[in-house]
Amino acid sequence: MAIAYASLEEQLFPGELIATGTLPGGCALENGYWLKPGDTIALCIDRIGTLTHPIVLPTDL
């Protein structure tokens, strides 16, 4: 349901990460840190693997 709702107003692409919550102290509003070009997000799941997502500037502006 969350993915269907998220895709109503924005096109989703294979490999994109969709976060649906944070732990205390894990939100940019709380710690003052925002993702910027050059940063990388990594999602690691034991015995499955790691999905990495580099943060880049949009090329379609």
PDB file of N, CA and C in Angstrom:
ATOM      1  N   MET A   1       0.815  -1.188   0.000  1.00  0.00           N
ATOM      2  CA  MET A   1       0.000   0.000   0.000  1.00  0.00           C
ATOM      3  C   MET A   1       0.867   1.265   0.000  1.00  0.00           C
ATOM      4  N   ALA A   2       1.952   1.257   0.786  1.00  0.00           N
ATOM      5  CA  ALA A   2       2.811   2.437   0.873  1.00  0.00           C
ATOM      6  C   ALA A   2       3.461   2.733  -0.475  1.00  0.00           C
ATOM      7  N   ILE A   3       3.876   1.704  -1.192  1.00  0.00           N
ATOM      8  CA  ILE A   3       4.505   1.916  -2.497  1.00  0.00           C
ATOM      9  C   ILE A   3       3.483   2.430  -3.501  1.00  0.00           C
ATOM     10  N   ALA A   4       2.285   1.917  -3.477  1.00  0.00           N
ATOM     11  CA  ALA A   4       1.231   2.393  -4.368  1.00  0.00           C
ATOM     12  C   ALA A   4       0.944   3.870  -4.108  1.00  0.00           C
ATOM     13  N   TYR A   5       0.863   4.258  -2.849  1.00  0.00           N
ATOM     14  CA  TYR A   5       0.597   5.651  -2.496  1.00  0.00           C
ATOM     15  C   TYR A   5       1.754   6.552  -2.925  1.00  0.00           C
ATOM     16  N   ALA A   6       2.975   6.099  -2.673  1.00  0.00           N
ATOM     17  CA  ALA A   6       4.151   6.902  -3.023  1.00  0.00           C
ATOM     18  C   ALA A   6       4.242   7.117  -4.531  1.00  0.00           C
ATOM     19  N   SER A   7       3.770   6.165  -5.307  1.00  0.00           N
ATOM     20  CA  SER A   7       3.882   6.275  -6.761  1.00  0.00           C
ATOM     21  C   SER A   7       2.744   7.076  -7.394  1.00  0.00           C
ATOM     22  N   LEU A   8       1.802   7.552  -6.620  1.00  0.00           N
ATOM     23  CA  LEU A   8       0.705   8.347  -7.187  1.00  0.00           C
ATOM     24  C   LEU A   8       1.205   9.659  -7.785  1.00  0.00           C
ATOM     25  N   GLU A   9       2.162  10.307  -7.149  1.00  0.00           N
ATOM     26  CA  GLU A   9       2.614  11.615  -7.601  1.00  0.00           C
ATOM     27  C   GLU A   9       4.080  11.662  -8.007  1.00  0.00           C
ATOM     28  N   GLU A  10       4.754  10.517  -7.959  1.00  0.00           N
ATOM     29  CA  GLU A  10       6.161  10.479  -8.319  1.00  0.00           C
ATOM     30  C   GLU A  10       6.463   9.133  -8.952  1.00  0.00           C
ATOM     31  N   GLN A  11       7.198   9.150 -10.058  1.00  0.00           N
ATOM     32  CA  GLN A  11       7.569   7.908 -10.703  1.00  0.00           C
ATOM     33  C   GLN A  11       8.658   7.214  -9.893  1.00  0.00           C
ATOM     34  N   LEU A  12       8.463   5.939  -9.642  1.00  0.00           N
ATOM     35  CA  LEU A  12       9.445   5.148  -8.922  1.00  0.00           C
ATOM     36  C   LEU A  12      10.235   4.306  -9.917  1.00  0.00           C
ATOM     37  N   PHE A  13      11.517   4.117  -9.638  1.00  0.00           N
ATOM     38  CA  PHE A  13      12.397   3.386 -10.540  1.00  0.00           C
ATOM     39  C   PHE A  13      13.002   2.188  -9.833  1.00  0.00           C
ATOM     40  N   PRO A  14      13.348   1.119 -10.574  1.00  0.00           N
ATOM     41  CA  PRO A  14      13.981  -0.048  -9.954  1.00  0.00           C
ATOM     42  C   PRO A  14      15.244   0.356  -9.194  1.00  0.00           C
ATOM     43  N   GLY A  15      15.419  -0.208  -8.015  1.00  0.00           N
ATOM     44  CA  GLY A  15      16.601   0.071  -7.210  1.00  0.00           C
ATOM     45  C   GLY A  15      16.445   1.215  -6.234  1.00  0.00           C
ATOM     46  N   GLU A  16      15.350   1.972  -6.326  1.00  0.00           N
ATOM     47  CA  GLU A  16      15.157   3.078  -5.382  1.00  0.00           C
ATOM     48  C   GLU A  16      14.839   2.544  -3.999  1.00  0.00           C
ATOM     49  N   LEU A  17      15.320   3.244  -2.987  1.00  0.00           N
ATOM     50  CA  LEU A  17      15.042   2.887  -1.599  1.00  0.00           C
ATOM     51  C   LEU A  17      13.861   3.704  -1.103  1.00  0.00           C
ATOM     52  N   ILE A  18      12.952   3.058  -0.402  1.00  0.00           N
ATOM     53  CA  ILE A  18      11.802   3.747   0.179  1.00  0.00           C
ATOM     54  C   ILE A  18      11.856   3.500   1.680  1.00  0.00           C
ATOM     55  N   ALA A  19      12.085   4.554   2.441  1.00  0.00           N
ATOM     56  CA  ALA A  19      12.150   4.441   3.898  1.00  0.00           C
ATOM     57  C   ALA A  19      10.794   4.800   4.481  1.00  0.00           C
ATOM     58  N   THR A  20      10.364   4.048   5.469  1.00  0.00           N
ATOM     59  CA  THR A  20       9.040   4.295   6.049  1.00  0.00           C
ATOM     60  C   THR A  20       9.093   4.535   7.547  1.00  0.00           C
ATOM     61  N   GLY A  21      10.205   5.030   8.032  1.00  0.00           N
ATOM     62  CA  GLY A  21      10.302   5.334   9.450  1.00  0.00           C
ATOM     63  C   GLY A  21      11.745   5.469   9.890  1.00  0.00           C
ATOM     64  N   THR A  22      11.951   6.017  11.067  1.00  0.00           N
ATOM     65  CA  THR A  22      13.298   6.175  11.601  1.00  0.00           C
ATOM     66  C   THR A  22      13.314   5.835  13.081  1.00  0.00           C
ATOM     67  N   LEU A  23      14.496   5.506  13.549  1.00  0.00           N
ATOM     68  CA  LEU A  23      14.704   5.309  14.976  1.00  0.00           C
ATOM     69  C   LEU A  23      14.967   6.669  15.612  1.00  0.00           C
ATOM     70  N   PRO A  24      14.776   6.805  16.908  1.00  0.00           N
ATOM     71  CA  PRO A  24      15.084   8.089  17.557  1.00  0.00           C
ATOM     72  C   PRO A  24      16.524   8.516  17.255  1.00  0.00           C
ATOM     73  N   GLY A  25      16.692   9.765  16.863  1.00  0.00           N
ATOM     74  CA  GLY A  25      18.006  10.289  16.529  1.00  0.00           C
ATOM     75  C   GLY A  25      18.462   9.936  15.122  1.00  0.00           C
ATOM     76  N   GLY A  26      17.598   9.330  14.326  1.00  0.00           N
ATOM     77  CA  GLY A  26      17.991   8.913  12.983  1.00  0.00           C
ATOM     78  C   GLY A  26      17.373   9.734  11.874  1.00  0.00           C
ATOM     79  N   CYS A  27      16.800  10.861  12.204  1.00  0.00           N
ATOM     80  CA  CYS A  27      16.119  11.700  11.220  1.00  0.00           C
ATOM     81  C   CYS A  27      16.916  12.982  10.992  1.00  0.00           C
ATOM     82  N   ALA A  28      16.964  13.441   9.740  1.00  0.00           N
ATOM     83  CA  ALA A  28      17.690  14.677   9.423  1.00  0.00           C
ATOM     84  C   ALA A  28      17.162  15.864  10.220  1.00  0.00           C
ATOM     85  N   LEU A  29      15.876  15.883  10.508  1.00  0.00           N
ATOM     86  CA  LEU A  29      15.325  16.980  11.306  1.00  0.00           C
ATOM     87  C   LEU A  29      15.901  16.978  12.723  1.00  0.00           C
ATOM     88  N   GLU A  30      16.240  15.802  13.224  1.00  0.00           N
ATOM     89  CA  GLU A  30      16.772  15.693  14.583  1.00  0.00           C
ATOM     90  C   GLU A  30      18.275  15.927  14.666  1.00  0.00           C
ATOM     91  N   ASN A  31      19.009  15.506  13.629  1.00  0.00           N
ATOM     92  CA  ASN A  31      20.467  15.603  13.726  1.00  0.00           C
ATOM     93  C   ASN A  31      21.091  16.651  12.814  1.00  0.00           C
ATOM     94  N   GLY A  32      20.270  17.336  12.022  1.00  0.00           N
ATOM     95  CA  GLY A  32      20.770  18.421  11.182  1.00  0.00           C
ATOM     96  C   GLY A  32      21.587  17.974   9.987  1.00  0.00           C
ATOM     97  N   TYR A  33      21.537  16.707   9.632  1.00  0.00           N
ATOM     98  CA  TYR A  33      22.305  16.199   8.499  1.00  0.00           C
ATOM     99  C   TYR A  33      21.364  15.850   7.351  1.00  0.00           C
ATOM    100  N   TRP A  34      21.620  16.407   6.183  1.00  0.00           N
ATOM    101  CA  TRP A  34      20.819  16.137   4.998  1.00  0.00           C
ATOM    102  C   TRP A  34      21.696  15.455   3.958  1.00  0.00           C
ATOM    103  N   LEU A  35      21.116  14.528   3.222  1.00  0.00           N
ATOM    104  CA  LEU A  35      21.867  13.864   2.164  1.00  0.00           C
ATOM    105  C   LEU A  35      22.247  14.871   1.095  1.00  0.00           C
ATOM    106  N   LYS A  36      23.437  14.685   0.510  1.00  0.00           N
ATOM    107  CA  LYS A  36      23.920  15.599  -0.523  1.00  0.00           C
ATOM    108  C   LYS A  36      24.652  14.780  -1.583  1.00  0.00           C
ATOM    109  N   PRO A  37      24.834  15.351  -2.771  1.00  0.00           N
ATOM    110  CA  PRO A  37      25.574  14.631  -3.809  1.00  0.00           C
ATOM    111  C   PRO A  37      26.932  14.168  -3.290  1.00  0.00           C
ATOM    112  N   GLY A  38      27.261  12.927  -3.587  1.00  0.00           N
ATOM    113  CA  GLY A  38      28.503  12.330  -3.103  1.00  0.00           C
ATOM    114  C   GLY A  38      28.272  11.363  -1.948  1.00  0.00           C
ATOM    115  N   ASP A  39      27.142  11.512  -1.234  1.00  0.00           N
ATOM    116  CA  ASP A  39      26.796  10.579  -0.167  1.00  0.00           C
ATOM    117  C   ASP A  39      26.308   9.269  -0.789  1.00  0.00           C
ATOM    118  N   THR A  40      26.369   8.201  -0.022  1.00  0.00           N
ATOM    119  CA  THR A  40      25.863   6.902  -0.457  1.00  0.00           C
ATOM    120  C   THR A  40      25.032   6.301   0.661  1.00  0.00           C
ATOM    121  N   ILE A  41      23.878   5.772   0.311  1.00  0.00           N
ATOM    122  CA  ILE A  41      23.033   5.044   1.250  1.00  0.00           C
ATOM    123  C   ILE A  41      23.274   3.562   0.989  1.00  0.00           C
ATOM    124  N   ALA A  42      23.415   2.777   2.033  1.00  0.00           N
ATOM    125  CA  ALA A  42      23.591   1.336   1.879  1.00  0.00           C
ATOM    126  C   ALA A  42      22.587   0.602   2.752  1.00  0.00           C
ATOM    127  N   LEU A  43      21.893  -0.345   2.163  1.00  0.00           N
ATOM    128  CA  LEU A  43      20.958  -1.198   2.890  1.00  0.00           C
ATOM    129  C   LEU A  43      21.561  -2.597   2.895  1.00  0.00           C
ATOM    130  N   CYS A  44      21.912  -3.084   4.074  1.00  0.00           N
ATOM    131  CA  CYS A  44      22.568  -4.389   4.208  1.00  0.00           C
ATOM    132  C   CYS A  44      21.628  -5.359   4.913  1.00  0.00           C
ATOM    133  N   ILE A  45      21.413  -6.507   4.297  1.00  0.00           N
ATOM    134  CA  ILE A  45      20.585  -7.548   4.902  1.00  0.00           C
ATOM    135  C   ILE A  45      21.422  -8.817   4.965  1.00  0.00           C
ATOM    136  N   ASP A  46      21.636  -9.328   6.167  1.00  0.00           N
ATOM    137  CA  ASP A  46      22.448 -10.534   6.356  1.00  0.00           C
ATOM    138  C   ASP A  46      21.952 -11.666   5.462  1.00  0.00           C
ATOM    139  N   ARG A  47      22.888 -12.372   4.868  1.00  0.00           N
ATOM    140  CA  ARG A  47      22.661 -13.542   4.024  1.00  0.00           C
ATOM    141  C   ARG A  47      21.896 -13.237   2.739  1.00  0.00           C
ATOM    142  N   ILE A  48      21.622 -11.957   2.478  1.00  0.00           N
ATOM    143  CA  ILE A  48      20.972 -11.575   1.217  1.00  0.00           C
ATOM    144  C   ILE A  48      21.908 -10.712   0.394  1.00  0.00           C
ATOM    145  N   GLY A  49      22.431  -9.655   0.994  1.00  0.00           N
ATOM    146  CA  GLY A  49      23.357  -8.794   0.276  1.00  0.00           C
ATOM    147  C   GLY A  49      23.183  -7.338   0.659  1.00  0.00           C
ATOM    148  N   THR A  50      23.819  -6.478  -0.130  1.00  0.00           N
ATOM    149  CA  THR A  50      23.816  -5.038   0.120  1.00  0.00           C
ATOM    150  C   THR A  50      23.356  -4.303  -1.128  1.00  0.00           C
ATOM    151  N   LEU A  51      22.466  -3.353  -0.946  1.00  0.00           N
ATOM    152  CA  LEU A  51      22.016  -2.477  -2.019  1.00  0.00           C
ATOM    153  C   LEU A  51      22.558  -1.094  -1.704  1.00  0.00           C
ATOM    154  N   THR A  52      23.348  -0.533  -2.606  1.00  0.00           N
ATOM    155  CA  THR A  52      23.886   0.810  -2.396  1.00  0.00           C
ATOM    156  C   THR A  52      23.250   1.771  -3.381  1.00  0.00           C
ATOM    157  N   HIS A  53      23.065   2.995  -2.919  1.00  0.00           N
ATOM    158  CA  HIS A  53      22.398   4.018  -3.722  1.00  0.00           C
ATOM    159  C   HIS A  53      23.178   5.317  -3.580  1.00  0.00           C
ATOM    160  N   PRO A  54      23.911   5.734  -4.643  1.00  0.00           N
ATOM    161  CA  PRO A  54      24.643   6.998  -4.553  1.00  0.00           C
ATOM    162  C   PRO A  54      23.699   8.187  -4.696  1.00  0.00           C
ATOM    163  N   ILE A  55      23.970   9.247  -3.964  1.00  0.00           N
ATOM    164  CA  ILE A  55      23.191  10.468  -4.079  1.00  0.00           C
ATOM    165  C   ILE A  55      23.885  11.358  -5.127  1.00  0.00           C
ATOM    166  N   VAL A  56      23.138  11.681  -6.180  1.00  0.00           N
ATOM    167  CA  VAL A  56      23.684  12.495  -7.285  1.00  0.00           C
ATOM    168  C   VAL A  56      22.729  13.644  -7.592  1.00  0.00           C
ATOM    169  N   LEU A  57      23.228  14.639  -8.286  1.00  0.00           N
ATOM    170  CA  LEU A  57      22.373  15.722  -8.738  1.00  0.00           C
ATOM    171  C   LEU A  57      21.480  15.234  -9.867  1.00  0.00           C
ATOM    172  N   PRO A  58      20.219  15.697  -9.944  1.00  0.00           N
ATOM    173  CA  PRO A  58      19.362  15.331 -11.057  1.00  0.00           C
ATOM    174  C   PRO A  58      19.961  15.828 -12.371  1.00  0.00           C
ATOM    175  N   THR A  59      19.797  15.040 -13.416  1.00  0.00           N
ATOM    176  CA  THR A  59      20.336  15.438 -14.726  1.00  0.00           C
ATOM    177  C   THR A  59      19.232  15.952 -15.648  1.00  0.00           C
ATOM    178  N   ASP A  60      17.998  15.938 -15.191  1.00  0.00           N
ATOM    179  CA  ASP A  60      16.887  16.338 -16.053  1.00  0.00           C
ATOM    180  C   ASP A  60      16.300  17.692 -15.691  1.00  0.00           C
ATOM    181  N   LEU A  61      17.098  18.582 -15.121  1.00  0.00           N
ATOM    182  CA  LEU A  61      16.610  19.919 -14.749  1.00  0.00           C
ATOM    183  C   LEU A  61      16.598  20.841 -15.935  1.00  0.00           C
TER     184      LEU A  61
END
